[in-house]
Amino acid sequence: MLQNKMFWYSIVLGGIGGWFFILSGLLYPFQNDLLHKIWLVILILWVGGHPFELLIAMPIGKKAGLSTQRIVCKTLLMGVSWWIPLKLGVFKD
């Protein structure tokens, strides 16, 4: 499963969907208390977590020959869903 590109593409789509969920909650705040709490957790994980992932993603991306700018953009947008398959050799980027 971890060597399957389609598996990782679906994880990437889920991560990008998380950003859309965050943006929608910023533009149109959720009135439902449970939905707002879920939104808040995802916001904290995405906005707080992705920058810390750069510590791991940077050497993996550099080893693959990627520029710092590309590594930062991909990590902040997709997080683990791009650098783990890159490390495993599933994505060649």
Protein backbone atom coordinates (compact mmCIF):
# COMPACT_ATOMS: atom_id res chain seq x y z
CA MET A 1 0.00 0.00 0.00
CA LEU A 2 2.78 2.49 0.84
CA GLN A 3 4.29 1.90 -2.60
CA ASN A 4 0.98 2.64 -4.35
CA LYS A 5 0.86 6.07 -6.05
CA MET A 6 -2.94 6.16 -5.99
CA PHE A 7 -2.90 5.71 -2.22
CA TRP A 8 -0.61 8.72 -1.85
CA TYR A 9 -2.53 10.81 -4.38
CA SER A 10 -5.69 10.26 -2.33
CA ILE A 11 -3.83 11.33 0.82
CA VAL A 12 -2.60 14.46 -1.02
CA LEU A 13 -6.18 15.27 -2.05
CA GLY A 14 -7.31 14.86 1.54
CA GLY A 15 -4.63 17.27 2.71
CA ILE A 16 -5.53 19.87 0.13
CA GLY A 17 -9.17 19.34 1.10
CA GLY A 18 -8.15 20.22 4.65
CA TRP A 19 -6.89 23.59 3.40
CA PHE A 20 -10.21 24.20 1.61
CA PHE A 21 -12.03 23.32 4.83
CA ILE A 22 -9.85 25.81 6.73
CA LEU A 23 -10.44 28.55 4.15
CA SER A 24 -14.17 27.94 4.08
CA GLY A 25 -14.27 28.23 7.87
CA LEU A 26 -12.38 31.51 7.69
CA LEU A 27 -14.66 32.96 5.02
CA TYR A 28 -17.91 31.55 6.39
CA PRO A 29 -17.49 30.69 10.11
CA PHE A 30 -19.25 27.50 11.10
CA GLN A 31 -22.34 27.94 13.27
CA ASN A 32 -22.43 24.26 14.28
CA ASP A 33 -20.40 23.85 17.48
CA LEU A 34 -19.04 20.39 16.58
CA LEU A 35 -18.05 21.48 13.07
CA HIS A 36 -16.36 24.55 14.51
CA LYS A 37 -14.34 22.39 16.93
CA ILE A 38 -13.28 20.05 14.10
CA TRP A 39 -12.31 23.09 12.04
CA LEU A 40 -10.26 24.47 14.93
CA VAL A 41 -8.37 21.18 15.39
CA ILE A 42 -7.58 20.95 11.68
CA LEU A 43 -6.51 24.60 11.63
CA ILE A 44 -4.09 24.03 14.51
CA LEU A 45 -2.71 20.83 12.99
CA TRP A 46 -2.25 22.25 9.49
CA VAL A 47 -1.00 25.74 10.39
CA GLY A 48 1.02 24.56 13.36
CA GLY A 49 2.22 21.21 12.09
CA HIS A 50 3.29 21.81 8.52
CA PRO A 51 6.04 24.33 9.36
CA PHE A 52 7.58 21.83 11.82
CA GLU A 53 7.58 19.20 9.08
CA LEU A 54 10.11 21.33 7.20
CA LEU A 55 12.76 20.01 9.60
CA ILE A 56 12.20 16.53 8.18
CA ALA A 57 11.16 17.42 4.63
CA MET A 58 14.09 19.71 3.85
CA PRO A 59 16.83 17.02 3.86
CA ILE A 60 14.57 14.58 1.99
CA GLY A 61 13.77 17.15 -0.67
CA LYS A 62 17.40 18.29 -0.97
CA LYS A 63 18.50 14.68 -1.43
CA ALA A 64 15.96 14.43 -4.27
CA GLY A 65 17.46 17.54 -5.86
CA LEU A 66 14.58 19.92 -5.16
CA SER A 67 14.95 23.64 -4.50
CA THR A 68 14.30 25.07 -1.07
CA GLN A 69 11.36 27.06 -2.43
CA ARG A 70 9.74 23.93 -3.90
CA ILE A 71 10.27 21.96 -0.68
CA VAL A 72 8.74 24.71 1.45
CA CYS A 73 5.71 25.13 -0.84
CA LYS A 74 5.01 21.42 -1.10
CA THR A 75 5.45 20.85 2.63
CA LEU A 76 3.21 23.73 3.66
CA LEU A 77 0.55 22.67 1.17
CA MET A 78 0.66 18.88 1.41
CA GLY A 79 2.74 17.97 4.47
CA VAL A 80 3.64 14.33 4.95
CA SER A 81 1.59 13.28 1.95
CA TRP A 82 4.37 14.36 -0.42
CA TRP A 83 7.64 13.93 1.46
CA ILE A 84 7.00 10.40 2.75
CA PRO A 85 6.32 9.00 -0.76
CA LEU A 86 9.29 11.01 -2.04
CA LYS A 87 11.49 9.36 0.58
CA LEU A 88 10.04 5.94 -0.26
CA GLY A 89 10.71 6.51 -3.96
CA VAL A 90 7.03 6.44 -4.91
CA PHE A 91 7.13 10.06 -6.10
CA LYS A 92 10.08 11.09 -8.23
CA ASP A 93 9.05 14.74 -8.31
